[in-house]
N, C-alpha and C. Protein backbone atom coordinates (compact mmCIF):
# COMPACT_ATOMS: atom_id res chain seq x y z
N MET A 1 36.20 25.09 33.75
CA MET A 1 36.84 24.22 32.75
C MET A 1 37.39 25.23 31.63
N ARG A 2 38.57 24.88 31.18
CA ARG A 2 39.20 25.68 30.15
C ARG A 2 39.56 24.81 29.00
N LEU A 3 39.23 25.20 27.80
CA LEU A 3 39.36 24.45 26.56
C LEU A 3 40.66 24.88 25.94
N GLU A 4 41.33 23.90 25.35
CA GLU A 4 42.61 24.17 24.69
C GLU A 4 42.29 24.63 23.28
N VAL A 5 42.88 25.65 22.73
CA VAL A 5 42.66 26.15 21.39
C VAL A 5 43.68 25.36 20.52
N PRO A 6 43.23 24.79 19.42
CA PRO A 6 44.26 24.10 18.54
C PRO A 6 45.24 25.11 17.97
N ALA A 7 46.50 24.73 17.74
CA ALA A 7 47.54 25.53 17.27
C ALA A 7 47.22 26.27 15.95
N GLN A 8 46.49 25.66 15.12
CA GLN A 8 46.13 26.27 13.81
C GLN A 8 45.09 27.41 13.94
N LYS A 9 44.44 27.42 15.09
CA LYS A 9 43.41 28.45 15.33
C LYS A 9 43.95 29.66 16.07
N LYS A 10 43.40 30.82 15.83
CA LYS A 10 43.95 32.05 16.44
C LYS A 10 42.83 32.46 17.46
N LEU A 11 43.21 32.61 18.69
CA LEU A 11 42.32 33.10 19.78
C LEU A 11 42.32 34.64 19.62
N VAL A 12 41.15 35.20 19.43
CA VAL A 12 41.10 36.66 19.27
C VAL A 12 40.39 37.41 20.40
N HIS A 13 39.67 36.70 21.14
CA HIS A 13 39.06 37.35 22.35
C HIS A 13 38.70 36.29 23.38
N GLU A 14 38.97 36.59 24.60
CA GLU A 14 38.69 35.77 25.72
C GLU A 14 38.03 36.51 26.84
N MET A 15 37.03 35.88 27.54
CA MET A 15 36.34 36.61 28.56
C MET A 15 35.89 35.53 29.61
N THR A 16 35.90 35.95 30.84
CA THR A 16 35.42 35.11 31.93
C THR A 16 33.86 35.56 32.22
N VAL A 17 32.96 34.64 32.12
CA VAL A 17 31.59 34.93 32.36
C VAL A 17 31.17 34.27 33.65
N PRO A 18 30.76 34.92 34.69
CA PRO A 18 30.35 34.23 35.93
C PRO A 18 29.09 33.46 35.70
N ILE A 19 29.00 32.25 36.30
CA ILE A 19 27.81 31.38 36.28
C ILE A 19 26.87 31.88 37.40
N ARG A 20 25.64 32.23 36.97
CA ARG A 20 24.66 32.75 37.95
C ARG A 20 23.90 31.51 38.45
N TRP A 21 23.32 31.67 39.66
CA TRP A 21 22.51 30.59 40.25
C TRP A 21 21.37 30.19 39.23
N GLY A 22 20.74 31.12 38.51
CA GLY A 22 19.63 30.84 37.66
C GLY A 22 20.05 30.15 36.38
N ASP A 23 21.37 30.14 36.11
CA ASP A 23 21.86 29.40 34.90
C ASP A 23 21.92 27.92 35.09
N MET A 24 21.70 27.39 36.31
CA MET A 24 21.85 25.98 36.59
C MET A 24 20.56 25.37 36.81
N ASP A 25 20.56 24.07 36.57
CA ASP A 25 19.33 23.22 36.98
C ASP A 25 19.48 22.77 38.42
N ALA A 26 18.57 21.86 38.88
CA ALA A 26 18.59 21.41 40.27
C ALA A 26 19.77 20.61 40.58
N MET A 27 20.43 20.06 39.56
CA MET A 27 21.61 19.21 39.75
C MET A 27 22.97 20.03 39.78
N GLY A 28 22.78 21.37 39.52
CA GLY A 28 23.93 22.30 39.46
C GLY A 28 24.64 22.25 38.15
N HIS A 29 23.88 21.74 37.14
CA HIS A 29 24.50 21.77 35.73
C HIS A 29 23.96 22.98 35.10
N VAL A 30 24.80 23.60 34.23
CA VAL A 30 24.44 24.77 33.42
C VAL A 30 23.63 24.33 32.23
N ASN A 31 22.41 24.90 32.17
CA ASN A 31 21.49 24.55 31.08
C ASN A 31 22.17 24.72 29.72
N ASN A 32 21.97 23.92 28.76
CA ASN A 32 22.65 24.04 27.44
C ASN A 32 22.38 25.30 26.66
N THR A 33 21.10 25.85 26.88
CA THR A 33 20.85 27.04 26.20
C THR A 33 21.53 28.26 26.68
N VAL A 34 21.95 28.15 27.95
CA VAL A 34 22.65 29.31 28.63
C VAL A 34 23.99 29.49 27.99
N TYR A 35 24.66 28.42 27.43
CA TYR A 35 25.93 28.67 26.72
C TYR A 35 25.81 29.72 25.53
N PHE A 36 24.71 29.71 25.01
CA PHE A 36 24.46 30.66 23.89
C PHE A 36 24.35 32.13 24.48
N ARG A 37 23.82 32.20 25.64
CA ARG A 37 23.81 33.58 26.27
C ARG A 37 25.25 33.97 26.64
N TYR A 38 25.99 33.05 27.12
CA TYR A 38 27.40 33.33 27.40
C TYR A 38 28.13 33.81 26.14
N MET A 39 27.95 33.05 25.05
CA MET A 39 28.57 33.47 23.81
C MET A 39 28.08 34.74 23.25
N GLU A 40 26.83 35.02 23.48
CA GLU A 40 26.30 36.31 23.00
C GLU A 40 26.90 37.46 23.88
N GLN A 41 26.97 37.34 25.16
CA GLN A 41 27.65 38.40 25.95
C GLN A 41 29.03 38.56 25.62
N THR A 42 29.80 37.51 25.39
CA THR A 42 31.14 37.55 24.96
C THR A 42 31.35 38.27 23.60
N ARG A 43 30.41 37.97 22.69
CA ARG A 43 30.46 38.54 21.37
C ARG A 43 30.15 40.05 21.47
N ILE A 44 29.27 40.45 22.27
CA ILE A 44 28.91 41.94 22.42
C ILE A 44 30.22 42.64 23.03
N THR A 45 30.68 42.08 24.07
CA THR A 45 31.89 42.62 24.63
C THR A 45 33.01 42.74 23.67
N PHE A 46 33.23 41.70 22.88
CA PHE A 46 34.31 41.73 21.80
C PHE A 46 34.05 42.90 20.84
N PHE A 47 32.76 42.98 20.34
CA PHE A 47 32.44 44.03 19.40
C PHE A 47 32.59 45.47 20.01
N ASP A 48 32.20 45.55 21.32
CA ASP A 48 32.37 46.82 22.01
C ASP A 48 33.94 47.21 22.04
N ASN A 49 34.74 46.27 22.38
CA ASN A 49 36.19 46.51 22.37
C ASN A 49 36.79 46.91 21.04
N LEU A 50 36.12 46.48 20.00
CA LEU A 50 36.59 46.87 18.62
C LEU A 50 35.86 48.09 18.18
N GLY A 51 34.90 48.60 18.85
CA GLY A 51 34.08 49.71 18.43
C GLY A 51 33.22 49.41 17.28
N LEU A 52 32.67 48.24 17.26
CA LEU A 52 31.82 47.67 16.18
C LEU A 52 30.38 47.51 16.52
N ARG A 53 29.93 48.27 17.55
CA ARG A 53 28.51 48.29 17.84
C ARG A 53 27.89 49.41 17.01
N ALA A 54 26.60 49.41 16.80
CA ALA A 54 25.91 50.49 16.07
C ALA A 54 26.24 51.80 16.73
N GLY A 55 26.66 52.71 15.95
CA GLY A 55 27.06 54.03 16.48
C GLY A 55 28.51 54.07 17.07
N GLY A 56 29.09 52.94 17.09
CA GLY A 56 30.52 52.90 17.53
C GLY A 56 31.44 53.64 16.73
N ALA A 57 32.70 53.83 17.15
CA ALA A 57 33.71 54.68 16.50
C ALA A 57 33.92 54.26 15.05
N ASN A 58 33.87 52.93 14.78
CA ASN A 58 34.22 52.35 13.48
C ASN A 58 32.99 52.17 12.57
N LEU A 59 31.79 52.31 12.97
CA LEU A 59 30.64 52.13 12.17
C LEU A 59 29.67 53.28 12.14
N PRO A 60 28.94 53.39 10.95
CA PRO A 60 27.88 54.47 10.98
C PRO A 60 26.76 54.06 11.95
N PRO A 61 25.98 55.02 12.36
CA PRO A 61 24.96 54.68 13.40
C PRO A 61 23.90 53.71 12.84
N ASN A 62 23.65 53.58 11.55
CA ASN A 62 22.65 52.63 11.05
C ASN A 62 23.17 51.28 10.67
N ILE A 63 24.45 51.01 10.95
CA ILE A 63 24.95 49.61 10.68
C ILE A 63 25.53 48.98 11.90
N SER A 64 25.19 47.68 11.98
CA SER A 64 25.62 46.84 13.10
C SER A 64 25.90 45.45 12.68
N PRO A 65 26.92 44.77 13.16
CA PRO A 65 27.18 43.37 12.84
C PRO A 65 26.11 42.45 13.35
N VAL A 66 25.78 41.40 12.60
CA VAL A 66 24.88 40.45 12.99
C VAL A 66 25.43 39.08 12.88
N VAL A 67 24.91 38.08 13.62
CA VAL A 67 25.26 36.73 13.56
C VAL A 67 24.22 35.99 12.69
N MET A 68 24.72 35.43 11.55
CA MET A 68 23.82 34.74 10.73
C MET A 68 23.58 33.31 11.11
N THR A 69 24.57 32.60 11.71
CA THR A 69 24.43 31.29 12.10
C THR A 69 25.22 31.08 13.44
N ALA A 70 24.64 30.39 14.37
CA ALA A 70 25.36 30.02 15.54
C ALA A 70 25.06 28.58 15.86
N ASN A 71 26.11 27.79 16.14
CA ASN A 71 25.93 26.36 16.56
C ASN A 71 27.14 26.08 17.47
N THR A 72 26.93 24.91 18.16
CA THR A 72 27.94 24.44 19.12
C THR A 72 27.94 22.99 19.20
N ARG A 73 28.99 22.40 19.62
CA ARG A 73 29.01 20.96 19.93
C ARG A 73 29.32 20.84 21.34
N TYR A 74 28.42 20.17 22.07
CA TYR A 74 28.61 19.99 23.51
C TYR A 74 29.46 18.72 23.75
N PRO A 75 30.48 18.72 24.58
CA PRO A 75 31.25 17.55 24.85
C PRO A 75 30.37 16.60 25.67
N LEU A 76 30.48 15.31 25.39
CA LEU A 76 29.64 14.33 26.12
C LEU A 76 30.59 13.97 27.45
N ALA A 77 30.02 14.21 28.49
CA ALA A 77 30.74 13.91 29.75
C ALA A 77 30.09 12.59 30.33
N MET A 78 30.95 11.60 30.72
CA MET A 78 30.43 10.34 31.24
C MET A 78 30.70 10.46 32.72
N MET A 79 29.70 10.19 33.49
CA MET A 79 29.93 10.07 34.98
C MET A 79 29.99 8.63 35.42
N SER A 80 30.95 8.35 36.21
CA SER A 80 30.93 6.97 36.76
C SER A 80 30.22 6.89 38.06
N SER A 81 29.62 5.79 38.37
CA SER A 81 28.85 5.62 39.51
C SER A 81 29.59 4.94 40.69
C-alpha cells in the first residue's frame, strides 16, 4: 500500500521496509505496534544518510537526535463479507 502525500507537505525521505513473517498475526495482518518499528528503522536510516547519528560527520560524538513524541493514526479498513 502506498499513501499519497498531500501537495502542501514535502516528502523528505522514503524507504521500503520488508514485512517479516514475525511482524504478522495469524490472520496475516501486520501488528499495529510493528508500524512504530518500521518508522524507527526508517528514521535511523534517514539520520544515517544525513550524518546525524552520534559520532556522525555532522554531530559531535556525545550528541544524538532524539524523538520526543511519536504518534500515528491508523486508517480504518472495512472488510465486506
